[in-house]
PDB file of N, CA and C in Angstrom:
ATOM      1  N   MET A   1     -14.283 -76.931-170.007  1.00  0.00           N
ATOM      2  CA  MET A   1     -15.543 -77.637-168.445  1.00  0.00           C
ATOM      3  C   MET A   1     -14.624 -78.048-167.533  1.00  0.00           C
ATOM      4  N   LEU A   2     -15.005 -77.413-166.728  1.00  0.00           N
ATOM      5  CA  LEU A   2     -14.112 -77.888-165.292  1.00  0.00           C
ATOM      6  C   LEU A   2     -14.845 -79.248-164.875  1.00  0.00           C
ATOM      7  N   LEU A   3     -14.363 -80.180-163.901  1.00  0.00           N
ATOM      8  CA  LEU A   3     -14.830 -81.157-163.868  1.00  0.00           C
ATOM      9  C   LEU A   3     -14.242 -81.908-162.627  1.00  0.00           C
ATOM     10  N   THR A   4     -14.946 -82.235-161.048  1.00  0.00           N
ATOM     11  CA  THR A   4     -14.017 -82.247-159.973  1.00  0.00           C
ATOM     12  C   THR A   4     -15.081 -83.025-158.871  1.00  0.00           C
ATOM     13  N   THR A   5     -14.269 -83.999-158.362  1.00  0.00           N
ATOM     14  CA  THR A   5     -15.168 -84.395-157.221  1.00  0.00           C
ATOM     15  C   THR A   5     -15.559 -83.340-156.167  1.00  0.00           C
ATOM     16  N   THR A   6     -14.919 -82.887-155.965  1.00  0.00           N
ATOM     17  CA  THR A   6     -14.851 -82.058-154.277  1.00  0.00           C
ATOM     18  C   THR A   6     -15.642 -80.638-154.807  1.00  0.00           C
ATOM     19  N   PRO A   7     -16.690 -79.999-153.917  1.00  0.00           N
ATOM     20  CA  PRO A   7     -17.621 -79.501-153.813  1.00  0.00           C
ATOM     21  C   PRO A   7     -17.186 -78.131-154.265  1.00  0.00           C
ATOM     22  N   ASN A   8     -16.468 -77.884-154.351  1.00  0.00           N
ATOM     23  CA  ASN A   8     -15.850 -75.880-154.743  1.00  0.00           C
ATOM     24  C   ASN A   8     -14.521 -76.384-155.393  1.00  0.00           C
ATOM     25  N   VAL A   9     -13.841 -75.248-156.048  1.00  0.00           N
ATOM     26  CA  VAL A   9     -12.560 -75.410-156.653  1.00  0.00           C
ATOM     27  C   VAL A   9     -12.200 -73.984-155.865  1.00  0.00           C
ATOM     28  N   GLU A  10     -11.132 -74.159-154.925  1.00  0.00           N
ATOM     29  CA  GLU A  10     -10.345 -73.473-154.466  1.00  0.00           C
ATOM     30  C   GLU A  10     -10.014 -72.233-155.671  1.00  0.00           C
ATOM     31  N   GLY A  11      -9.893 -70.735-155.009  1.00  0.00           N
ATOM     32  CA  GLY A  11     -10.145 -69.647-155.928  1.00  0.00           C
ATOM     33  C   GLY A  11     -10.999 -69.145-156.987  1.00  0.00           C
ATOM     34  N   TYR A  12     -12.081 -70.075-157.083  1.00  0.00           N
ATOM     35  CA  TYR A  12     -13.231 -70.132-157.869  1.00  0.00           C
ATOM     36  C   TYR A  12     -14.499 -70.084-157.285  1.00  0.00           C
ATOM     37  N   PRO A  13     -15.028 -68.933-156.461  1.00  0.00           N
ATOM     38  CA  PRO A  13     -15.778 -68.873-156.240  1.00  0.00           C
ATOM     39  C   PRO A  13     -17.395 -69.315-157.192  1.00  0.00           C
ATOM     40  N   VAL A  14     -18.249 -69.995-156.497  1.00  0.00           N
ATOM     41  CA  VAL A  14     -19.790 -70.430-157.231  1.00  0.00           C
ATOM     42  C   VAL A  14     -20.404 -69.343-157.751  1.00  0.00           C
ATOM     43  N   ARG A  15     -20.844 -68.636-158.757  1.00  0.00           N
ATOM     44  CA  ARG A  15     -21.416 -67.825-158.790  1.00  0.00           C
ATOM     45  C   ARG A  15     -23.042 -67.950-159.121  1.00  0.00           C
ATOM     46  N   ASN A  16     -23.132 -69.095-159.523  1.00  0.00           N
ATOM     47  CA  ASN A  16     -24.706 -70.020-159.764  1.00  0.00           C
ATOM     48  C   ASN A  16     -24.430 -71.299-159.951  1.00  0.00           C
ATOM     49  N   TYR A  17     -25.410 -72.051-159.029  1.00  0.00           N
ATOM     50  CA  TYR A  17     -25.314 -73.258-159.232  1.00  0.00           C
ATOM     51  C   TYR A  17     -26.883 -73.354-160.391  1.00  0.00           C
ATOM     52  N   LEU A  18     -26.907 -74.351-161.158  1.00  0.00           N
ATOM     53  CA  LEU A  18     -27.689 -74.567-162.179  1.00  0.00           C
ATOM     54  C   LEU A  18     -28.603 -75.811-161.994  1.00  0.00           C
ATOM     55  N   GLY A  19     -27.979 -77.073-161.213  1.00  0.00           N
ATOM     56  CA  GLY A  19     -28.617 -77.956-160.816  1.00  0.00           C
ATOM     57  C   GLY A  19     -27.829 -79.672-161.183  1.00  0.00           C
ATOM     58  N   LEU A  20     -28.704 -80.185-160.815  1.00  0.00           N
ATOM     59  CA  LEU A  20     -28.076 -81.786-160.574  1.00  0.00           C
ATOM     60  C   LEU A  20     -28.086 -81.895-162.521  1.00  0.00           C
ATOM     61  N   VAL A  21     -26.859 -82.551-162.991  1.00  0.00           N
ATOM     62  CA  VAL A  21     -26.620 -83.147-164.180  1.00  0.00           C
ATOM     63  C   VAL A  21     -25.926 -84.395-164.090  1.00  0.00           C
ATOM     64  N   CYS A  22     -26.705 -85.566-164.949  1.00  0.00           N
ATOM     65  CA  CYS A  22     -25.806 -86.445-165.165  1.00  0.00           C
ATOM     66  C   CYS A  22     -25.548 -87.243-166.069  1.00  0.00           C
ATOM     67  N   GLY A  23     -25.097 -88.444-166.591  1.00  0.00           N
ATOM     68  CA  GLY A  23     -24.864 -88.821-167.596  1.00  0.00           C
ATOM     69  C   GLY A  23     -24.958 -90.558-167.628  1.00  0.00           C
ATOM     70  N   GLU A  24     -25.297 -90.965-168.290  1.00  0.00           N
ATOM     71  CA  GLU A  24     -25.385 -92.647-168.187  1.00  0.00           C
ATOM     72  C   GLU A  24     -24.965 -93.408-169.508  1.00  0.00           C
ATOM     73  N   VAL A  25     -24.837 -94.864-169.015  1.00  0.00           N
ATOM     74  CA  VAL A  25     -24.256 -95.291-170.173  1.00  0.00           C
ATOM     75  C   VAL A  25     -24.296 -96.726-169.312  1.00  0.00           C
ATOM     76  N   ILE A  26     -25.032 -97.653-170.460  1.00  0.00           N
ATOM     77  CA  ILE A  26     -25.198 -99.392-170.399  1.00  0.00           C
ATOM     78  C   ILE A  26     -24.276 -99.839-171.303  1.00  0.00           C
ATOM     79  N   GLU A  27     -23.644-100.783-170.934  1.00  0.00           N
ATOM     80  CA  GLU A  27     -22.703-101.127-172.445  1.00  0.00           C
ATOM     81  C   GLU A  27     -23.030-102.870-171.933  1.00  0.00           C
ATOM     82  N   GLY A  28     -23.142-103.464-173.218  1.00  0.00           N
ATOM     83  CA  GLY A  28     -22.742-104.904-172.973  1.00  0.00           C
ATOM     84  C   GLY A  28     -21.201-105.407-173.431  1.00  0.00           C
ATOM     85  N   VAL A  29     -21.328-106.367-172.273  1.00  0.00           N
ATOM     86  CA  VAL A  29     -19.904-107.345-172.454  1.00  0.00           C
ATOM     87  C   VAL A  29     -20.060-108.355-173.386  1.00  0.00           C
ATOM     88  N   ASN A  30     -19.292-108.492-174.365  1.00  0.00           N
ATOM     89  CA  ASN A  30     -19.398-109.385-175.102  1.00  0.00           C
ATOM     90  C   ASN A  30     -19.422-110.852-174.930  1.00  0.00           C
ATOM     91  N   PHE A  31     -19.448-111.709-176.026  1.00  0.00           N
ATOM     92  CA  PHE A  31     -18.875-113.481-175.250  1.00  0.00           C
ATOM     93  C   PHE A  31     -17.407-113.924-175.212  1.00  0.00           C
ATOM     94  N   VAL A  32     -16.990-113.022-176.205  1.00  0.00           N
ATOM     95  CA  VAL A  32     -15.402-113.176-175.870  1.00  0.00           C
ATOM     96  C   VAL A  32     -14.683-112.426-174.738  1.00  0.00           C
ATOM     97  N   LYS A  33     -15.023-111.327-174.470  1.00  0.00           N
ATOM     98  CA  LYS A  33     -14.425-110.299-173.111  1.00  0.00           C
ATOM     99  C   LYS A  33     -14.883-111.157-172.093  1.00  0.00           C
ATOM    100  N   ASP A  34     -15.904-111.949-172.107  1.00  0.00           N
ATOM    101  CA  ASP A  34     -16.676-112.612-170.780  1.00  0.00           C
ATOM    102  C   ASP A  34     -15.882-114.068-170.979  1.00  0.00           C
ATOM    103  N   PHE A  35     -15.595-114.506-172.160  1.00  0.00           N
ATOM    104  CA  PHE A  35     -15.033-115.818-171.903  1.00  0.00           C
ATOM    105  C   PHE A  35     -13.426-115.819-171.465  1.00  0.00           C
ATOM    106  N   THR A  36     -12.713-114.679-171.663  1.00  0.00           N
ATOM    107  CA  THR A  36     -11.557-114.632-171.121  1.00  0.00           C
ATOM    108  C   THR A  36     -11.574-113.838-170.039  1.00  0.00           C
ATOM    109  N   ALA A  37     -12.119-113.471-169.401  1.00  0.00           N
ATOM    110  CA  ALA A  37     -12.313-112.779-167.638  1.00  0.00           C
ATOM    111  C   ALA A  37     -12.686-113.941-167.233  1.00  0.00           C
ATOM    112  N   GLY A  38     -13.394-114.828-167.505  1.00  0.00           N
ATOM    113  CA  GLY A  38     -13.748-115.788-167.007  1.00  0.00           C
ATOM    114  C   GLY A  38     -12.502-116.696-166.688  1.00  0.00           C
ATOM    115  N   LEU A  39     -11.665-116.809-167.626  1.00  0.00           N
ATOM    116  CA  LEU A  39     -10.096-117.460-167.340  1.00  0.00           C
ATOM    117  C   LEU A  39      -9.498-116.758-166.671  1.00  0.00           C
ATOM    118  N   THR A  40      -9.469-115.275-166.900  1.00  0.00           N
ATOM    119  CA  THR A  40      -8.521-114.772-166.327  1.00  0.00           C
ATOM    120  C   THR A  40      -8.860-114.796-164.219  1.00  0.00           C
ATOM    121  N   ASN A  41     -10.301-115.439-164.277  1.00  0.00           N
ATOM    122  CA  ASN A  41     -10.760-115.375-162.516  1.00  0.00           C
ATOM    123  C   ASN A  41     -10.369-116.650-162.344  1.00  0.00           C
ATOM    124  N   PHE A  42     -10.537-117.606-163.199  1.00  0.00           N
ATOM    125  CA  PHE A  42      -9.639-119.165-163.176  1.00  0.00           C
ATOM    126  C   PHE A  42      -8.382-118.797-162.813  1.00  0.00           C
ATOM    127  N   PHE A  43      -7.536-118.914-163.415  1.00  0.00           N
ATOM    128  CA  PHE A  43      -5.699-118.687-163.229  1.00  0.00           C
ATOM    129  C   PHE A  43      -5.503-117.587-162.352  1.00  0.00           C
ATOM    130  N   GLY A  44      -6.473-116.326-162.366  1.00  0.00           N
ATOM    131  CA  GLY A  44      -5.781-115.313-161.411  1.00  0.00           C
ATOM    132  C   GLY A  44      -5.044-114.302-162.465  1.00  0.00           C
ATOM    133  N   GLY A  45      -5.060-113.185-162.159  1.00  0.00           N
ATOM    134  CA  GLY A  45      -4.452-111.825-162.973  1.00  0.00           C
ATOM    135  C   GLY A  45      -5.679-111.380-162.929  1.00  0.00           C
ATOM    136  N   ARG A  46      -5.351-109.970-163.770  1.00  0.00           N
ATOM    137  CA  ARG A  46      -6.126-108.790-163.752  1.00  0.00           C
ATOM    138  C   ARG A  46      -7.047-108.730-165.234  1.00  0.00           C
ATOM    139  N   SER A  47      -8.228-108.336-165.671  1.00  0.00           N
ATOM    140  CA  SER A  47      -9.014-108.927-166.665  1.00  0.00           C
ATOM    141  C   SER A  47      -9.054-107.649-167.376  1.00  0.00           C
ATOM    142  N   GLY A  48      -7.645-107.515-168.509  1.00  0.00           N
ATOM    143  CA  GLY A  48      -7.786-106.337-169.041  1.00  0.00           C
ATOM    144  C   GLY A  48      -8.797-105.768-170.106  1.00  0.00           C
ATOM    145  N   SER A  49      -9.706-106.590-170.377  1.00  0.00           N
ATOM    146  CA  SER A  49     -10.690-106.447-171.040  1.00  0.00           C
ATOM    147  C   SER A  49     -11.977-105.551-170.198  1.00  0.00           C
ATOM    148  N   TYR A  50     -11.950-106.566-169.209  1.00  0.00           N
ATOM    149  CA  TYR A  50     -12.900-105.844-168.451  1.00  0.00           C
ATOM    150  C   TYR A  50     -12.741-104.500-168.286  1.00  0.00           C
ATOM    151  N   GLU A  51     -11.443-104.123-167.411  1.00  0.00           N
ATOM    152  CA  GLU A  51     -10.871-102.722-167.154  1.00  0.00           C
ATOM    153  C   GLU A  51     -10.964-101.773-168.048  1.00  0.00           C
ATOM    154  N   ASP A  52     -10.868-102.567-169.441  1.00  0.00           N
ATOM    155  CA  ASP A  52     -10.837-101.529-170.633  1.00  0.00           C
ATOM    156  C   ASP A  52     -12.339-100.864-171.083  1.00  0.00           C
ATOM    157  N   GLU A  53     -13.438-101.913-170.649  1.00  0.00           N
ATOM    158  CA  GLU A  53     -14.803-101.512-170.955  1.00  0.00           C
ATOM    159  C   GLU A  53     -15.057-100.729-169.550  1.00  0.00           C
ATOM    160  N   LEU A  54     -14.577-100.756-168.181  1.00  0.00           N
ATOM    161  CA  LEU A  54     -14.927 -99.556-167.166  1.00  0.00           C
ATOM    162  C   LEU A  54     -14.653 -98.291-167.577  1.00  0.00           C
ATOM    163  N   ILE A  55     -13.429 -98.175-167.725  1.00  0.00           N
ATOM    164  CA  ILE A  55     -12.738 -97.150-168.616  1.00  0.00           C
ATOM    165  C   ILE A  55     -13.416 -96.651-169.262  1.00  0.00           C
ATOM    166  N   HIS A  56     -14.044 -97.044-170.480  1.00  0.00           N
ATOM    167  CA  HIS A  56     -14.663 -96.453-171.935  1.00  0.00           C
ATOM    168  C   HIS A  56     -16.083 -95.842-171.564  1.00  0.00           C
ATOM    169  N   ALA A  57     -16.461 -96.958-170.229  1.00  0.00           N
ATOM    170  CA  ALA A  57     -17.883 -96.579-170.123  1.00  0.00           C
ATOM    171  C   ALA A  57     -18.020 -95.205-169.113  1.00  0.00           C
ATOM    172  N   ARG A  58     -17.166 -95.469-168.152  1.00  0.00           N
ATOM    173  CA  ARG A  58     -16.592 -94.219-167.344  1.00  0.00           C
ATOM    174  C   ARG A  58     -16.282 -92.741-167.974  1.00  0.00           C
ATOM    175  N   GLU A  59     -15.753 -93.059-169.275  1.00  0.00           N
ATOM    176  CA  GLU A  59     -15.560 -92.103-169.617  1.00  0.00           C
ATOM    177  C   GLU A  59     -16.415 -91.093-170.831  1.00  0.00           C
ATOM    178  N   GLN A  60     -17.225 -92.320-170.760  1.00  0.00           N
ATOM    179  CA  GLN A  60     -18.501 -91.718-171.746  1.00  0.00           C
ATOM    180  C   GLN A  60     -19.633 -91.338-170.737  1.00  0.00           C
ATOM    181  N   ALA A  61     -19.929 -91.668-169.812  1.00  0.00           N
ATOM    182  CA  ALA A  61     -20.926 -90.853-169.059  1.00  0.00           C
ATOM    183  C   ALA A  61     -20.200 -89.291-168.500  1.00  0.00           C
ATOM    184  N   VAL A  62     -19.122 -89.770-168.034  1.00  0.00           N
ATOM    185  CA  VAL A  62     -18.689 -87.992-167.428  1.00  0.00           C
ATOM    186  C   VAL A  62     -18.677 -87.248-169.249  1.00  0.00           C
ATOM    187  N   GLU A  63     -18.660 -87.705-170.356  1.00  0.00           N
ATOM    188  CA  GLU A  63     -18.362 -86.786-171.221  1.00  0.00           C
ATOM    189  C   GLU A  63     -19.847 -86.360-171.371  1.00  0.00           C
ATOM    190  N   GLU A  64     -20.758 -87.751-171.358  1.00  0.00           N
ATOM    191  CA  GLU A  64     -22.367 -87.132-171.258  1.00  0.00           C
ATOM    192  C   GLU A  64     -22.702 -86.242-170.353  1.00  0.00           C
ATOM    193  N   MET A  65     -22.545 -86.148-169.206  1.00  0.00           N
ATOM    194  CA  MET A  65     -22.725 -85.475-167.936  1.00  0.00           C
ATOM    195  C   MET A  65     -22.008 -83.894-168.804  1.00  0.00           C
ATOM    196  N   ALA A  66     -20.796 -83.575-169.030  1.00  0.00           N
ATOM    197  CA  ALA A  66     -20.604 -82.523-168.977  1.00  0.00           C
ATOM    198  C   ALA A  66     -21.226 -82.267-170.418  1.00  0.00           C
ATOM    199  N   GLN A  67     -21.801 -82.487-171.092  1.00  0.00           N
ATOM    200  CA  GLN A  67     -22.077 -81.789-171.994  1.00  0.00           C
ATOM    201  C   GLN A  67     -23.610 -81.494-171.788  1.00  0.00           C
ATOM    202  N   ARG A  68     -24.446 -82.002-171.072  1.00  0.00           N
ATOM    203  CA  ARG A  68     -25.678 -81.540-170.186  1.00  0.00           C
ATOM    204  C   ARG A  68     -25.306 -80.609-169.660  1.00  0.00           C
ATOM    205  N   ALA A  69     -24.432 -80.403-169.032  1.00  0.00           N
ATOM    206  CA  ALA A  69     -24.355 -79.155-167.892  1.00  0.00           C
ATOM    207  C   ALA A  69     -23.719 -78.247-168.709  1.00  0.00           C
ATOM    208  N   GLU A  70     -23.172 -78.285-169.701  1.00  0.00           N
ATOM    209  CA  GLU A  70     -22.531 -77.149-170.914  1.00  0.00           C
ATOM    210  C   GLU A  70     -23.800 -76.793-171.783  1.00  0.00           C
ATOM    211  N   GLN A  71     -25.087 -77.665-171.731  1.00  0.00           N
ATOM    212  CA  GLN A  71     -26.505 -77.420-172.551  1.00  0.00           C
ATOM    213  C   GLN A  71     -26.914 -76.280-171.517  1.00  0.00           C
ATOM    214  N   MET A  72     -26.754 -76.676-169.945  1.00  0.00           N
ATOM    215  CA  MET A  72     -27.436 -75.953-169.048  1.00  0.00           C
ATOM    216  C   MET A  72     -26.966 -74.539-168.904  1.00  0.00           C
ATOM    217  N   GLY A  73     -25.896 -74.201-169.661  1.00  0.00           N
ATOM    218  CA  GLY A  73     -25.007 -72.867-169.553  1.00  0.00           C
ATOM    219  C   GLY A  73     -23.683 -73.109-168.170  1.00  0.00           C
ATOM    220  N   ALA A  74     -23.373 -74.014-167.683  1.00  0.00           N
ATOM    221  CA  ALA A  74     -22.440 -74.049-166.496  1.00  0.00           C
ATOM    222  C   ALA A  74     -21.104 -74.229-167.218  1.00  0.00           C
ATOM    223  N   ASN A  75     -20.127 -73.932-166.773  1.00  0.00           N
ATOM    224  CA  ASN A  75     -18.865 -74.111-167.103  1.00  0.00           C
ATOM    225  C   ASN A  75     -17.947 -74.792-166.251  1.00  0.00           C
ATOM    226  N   ALA A  76     -18.651 -75.666-165.216  1.00  0.00           N
ATOM    227  CA  ALA A  76     -17.903 -76.515-164.217  1.00  0.00           C
ATOM    228  C   ALA A  76     -18.918 -77.209-163.695  1.00  0.00           C
ATOM    229  N   VAL A  77     -18.403 -78.397-163.281  1.00  0.00           N
ATOM    230  CA  VAL A  77     -19.494 -79.544-162.521  1.00  0.00           C
ATOM    231  C   VAL A  77     -18.619 -80.037-161.154  1.00  0.00           C
ATOM    232  N   VAL A  78     -19.673 -79.855-160.105  1.00  0.00           N
ATOM    233  CA  VAL A  78     -18.612 -80.053-158.889  1.00  0.00           C
ATOM    234  C   VAL A  78     -19.064 -81.151-158.505  1.00  0.00           C
ATOM    235  N   GLY A  79     -18.846 -81.994-157.095  1.00  0.00           N
ATOM    236  CA  GLY A  79     -19.076 -82.725-156.672  1.00  0.00           C
ATOM    237  C   GLY A  79     -19.623 -84.246-157.239  1.00  0.00           C
ATOM    238  N   ILE A  80     -18.776 -84.175-157.920  1.00  0.00           N
ATOM    239  CA  ILE A  80     -19.204 -85.404-159.224  1.00  0.00           C
ATOM    240  C   ILE A  80     -18.863 -86.930-158.522  1.00  0.00           C
ATOM    241  N   ASP A  81     -19.902 -87.509-158.715  1.00  0.00           N
ATOM    242  CA  ASP A  81     -19.585 -89.326-158.191  1.00  0.00           C
ATOM    243  C   ASP A  81     -20.196 -89.940-159.039  1.00  0.00           C
ATOM    244  N   ILE A  82     -19.228 -91.307-159.187  1.00  0.00           N
ATOM    245  CA  ILE A  82     -19.598 -92.343-160.051  1.00  0.00           C
ATOM    246  C   ILE A  82     -19.664 -93.525-159.880  1.00  0.00           C
ATOM    247  N   ASP A  83     -20.685 -94.112-160.580  1.00  0.00           N
ATOM    248  CA  ASP A  83     -21.601 -95.508-159.902  1.00  0.00           C
ATOM    249  C   ASP A  83     -21.472 -96.256-160.724  1.00  0.00           C
ATOM    250  N   TYR A  84     -20.950 -97.744-160.367  1.00  0.00           N
ATOM    251  CA  TYR A  84     -21.113 -98.913-161.163  1.00  0.00           C
ATOM    252  C   TYR A  84     -22.348 -99.676-161.146  1.00  0.00           C
ATOM    253  N   GLU A  85     -22.802-100.746-161.660  1.00  0.00           N
ATOM    254  CA  GLU A  85     -23.670-101.327-161.229  1.00  0.00           C
ATOM    255  C   GLU A  85     -23.525-102.761-162.568  1.00  0.00           C
ATOM    256  N   VAL A  86     -23.643-103.783-162.597  1.00  0.00           N
ATOM    257  CA  VAL A  86     -23.940-104.575-163.337  1.00  0.00           C
ATOM    258  C   VAL A  86     -25.673-105.208-163.637  1.00  0.00           C
ATOM    259  N   LEU A  87     -25.885-105.250-164.685  1.00  0.00           N
ATOM    260  CA  LEU A  87     -27.391-105.526-165.112  1.00  0.00           C
ATOM    261  C   LEU A  87     -27.482-106.994-165.763  1.00  0.00           C
ATOM    262  N   GLY A  88     -28.003-108.020-165.271  1.00  0.00           N
ATOM    263  CA  GLY A  88     -28.459-108.845-165.834  1.00  0.00           C
ATOM    264  C   GLY A  88     -27.041-110.110-166.152  1.00  0.00           C
ATOM    265  N   GLY A  89     -26.148-109.908-165.262  1.00  0.00           N
ATOM    266  CA  GLY A  89     -24.971-110.838-165.570  1.00  0.00           C
ATOM    267  C   GLY A  89     -23.926-110.313-166.508  1.00  0.00           C
ATOM    268  N   ASN A  90     -24.184-109.095-167.421  1.00  0.00           N
ATOM    269  CA  ASN A  90     -23.274-109.004-168.810  1.00  0.00           C
ATOM    270  C   ASN A  90     -23.438-107.589-168.980  1.00  0.00           C
ATOM    271  N   MET A  91     -24.053-107.250-168.551  1.00  0.00           N
ATOM    272  CA  MET A  91     -24.425-105.171-168.747  1.00  0.00           C
ATOM    273  C   MET A  91     -24.052-104.545-167.565  1.00  0.00           C
ATOM    274  N   LEU A  92     -23.282-103.387-168.074  1.00  0.00           N
ATOM    275  CA  LEU A  92     -22.282-102.488-167.028  1.00  0.00           C
ATOM    276  C   LEU A  92     -22.777-101.293-167.171  1.00  0.00           C
ATOM    277  N   MET A  93     -23.336-100.899-166.399  1.00  0.00           N
ATOM    278  CA  MET A  93     -24.067 -99.504-166.376  1.00  0.00           C
ATOM    279  C   MET A  93     -23.187 -98.657-165.179  1.00  0.00           C
ATOM    280  N   VAL A  94     -22.747 -97.093-165.914  1.00  0.00           N
ATOM    281  CA  VAL A  94     -22.002 -96.156-164.758  1.00  0.00           C
ATOM    282  C   VAL A  94     -22.503 -95.373-165.261  1.00  0.00           C
ATOM    283  N   THR A  95     -23.076 -94.664-164.067  1.00  0.00           N
ATOM    284  CA  THR A  95     -23.428 -92.781-164.110  1.00  0.00           C
ATOM    285  C   THR A  95     -22.829 -92.313-163.445  1.00  0.00           C
ATOM    286  N   ALA A  96     -22.413 -90.789-163.728  1.00  0.00           N
ATOM    287  CA  ALA A  96     -21.546 -90.205-163.366  1.00  0.00           C
ATOM    288  C   ALA A  96     -22.778 -88.579-163.396  1.00  0.00           C
ATOM    289  N   SER A  97     -22.883 -88.370-161.626  1.00  0.00           N
ATOM    290  CA  SER A  97     -23.524 -87.193-161.415  1.00  0.00           C
ATOM    291  C   SER A  97     -22.836 -86.313-160.577  1.00  0.00           C
ATOM    292  N   GLY A  98     -23.208 -84.949-160.849  1.00  0.00           N
ATOM    293  CA  GLY A  98     -22.892 -83.603-160.194  1.00  0.00           C
ATOM    294  C   GLY A  98     -23.311 -82.825-159.922  1.00  0.00           C
ATOM    295  N   THR A  99     -23.147 -81.106-159.607  1.00  0.00           N
ATOM    296  CA  THR A  99     -24.132 -80.703-159.699  1.00  0.00           C
ATOM    297  C   THR A  99     -23.479 -79.525-161.116  1.00  0.00           C
ATOM    298  N   ALA A 100     -24.315 -78.883-161.957  1.00  0.00           N
ATOM    299  CA  ALA A 100     -23.519 -77.721-162.662  1.00  0.00           C
ATOM    300  C   ALA A 100     -23.527 -76.634-161.940  1.00  0.00           C
ATOM    301  N   VAL A 101     -22.432 -75.912-162.078  1.00  0.00           N
ATOM    302  CA  VAL A 101     -22.059 -74.364-161.764  1.00  0.00           C
ATOM    303  C   VAL A 101     -21.644 -73.660-162.804  1.00  0.00           C
ATOM    304  N   CYS A 102     -21.714 -72.482-162.386  1.00  0.00           N
ATOM    305  CA  CYS A 102     -21.140 -71.003-162.947  1.00  0.00           C
ATOM    306  C   CYS A 102     -19.900 -70.822-162.304  1.00  0.00           C
ATOM    307  N   ILE A 103     -18.917 -70.762-162.369  1.00  0.00           N
ATOM    308  CA  ILE A 103     -17.738 -70.207-161.692  1.00  0.00           C
ATOM    309  C   ILE A 103     -16.762 -69.248-162.200  1.00  0.00           C
TER     310      ILE A 103
END
């Protein structure tokens, strides 16, 4: 499965547009990670625990999107957009969306 943020792939013309495809993940951040991130915020520096949560959630959302595209018969997803949102203070929502295509 070819995944790209660009609207097309050079050298591979799109033969068929199959439609919008999305992947969504909502993950909670536990108390310990929230507490250590608060300390990092107070003293300065990067929050490795939050960064790890972001990376994990993004990878899961993209993987879910790719699986749904494959179920549609696609072999690529173009125009991928990834969005992040915080829900209720300690819930992270990551969505990945793009266009499922056959190239």
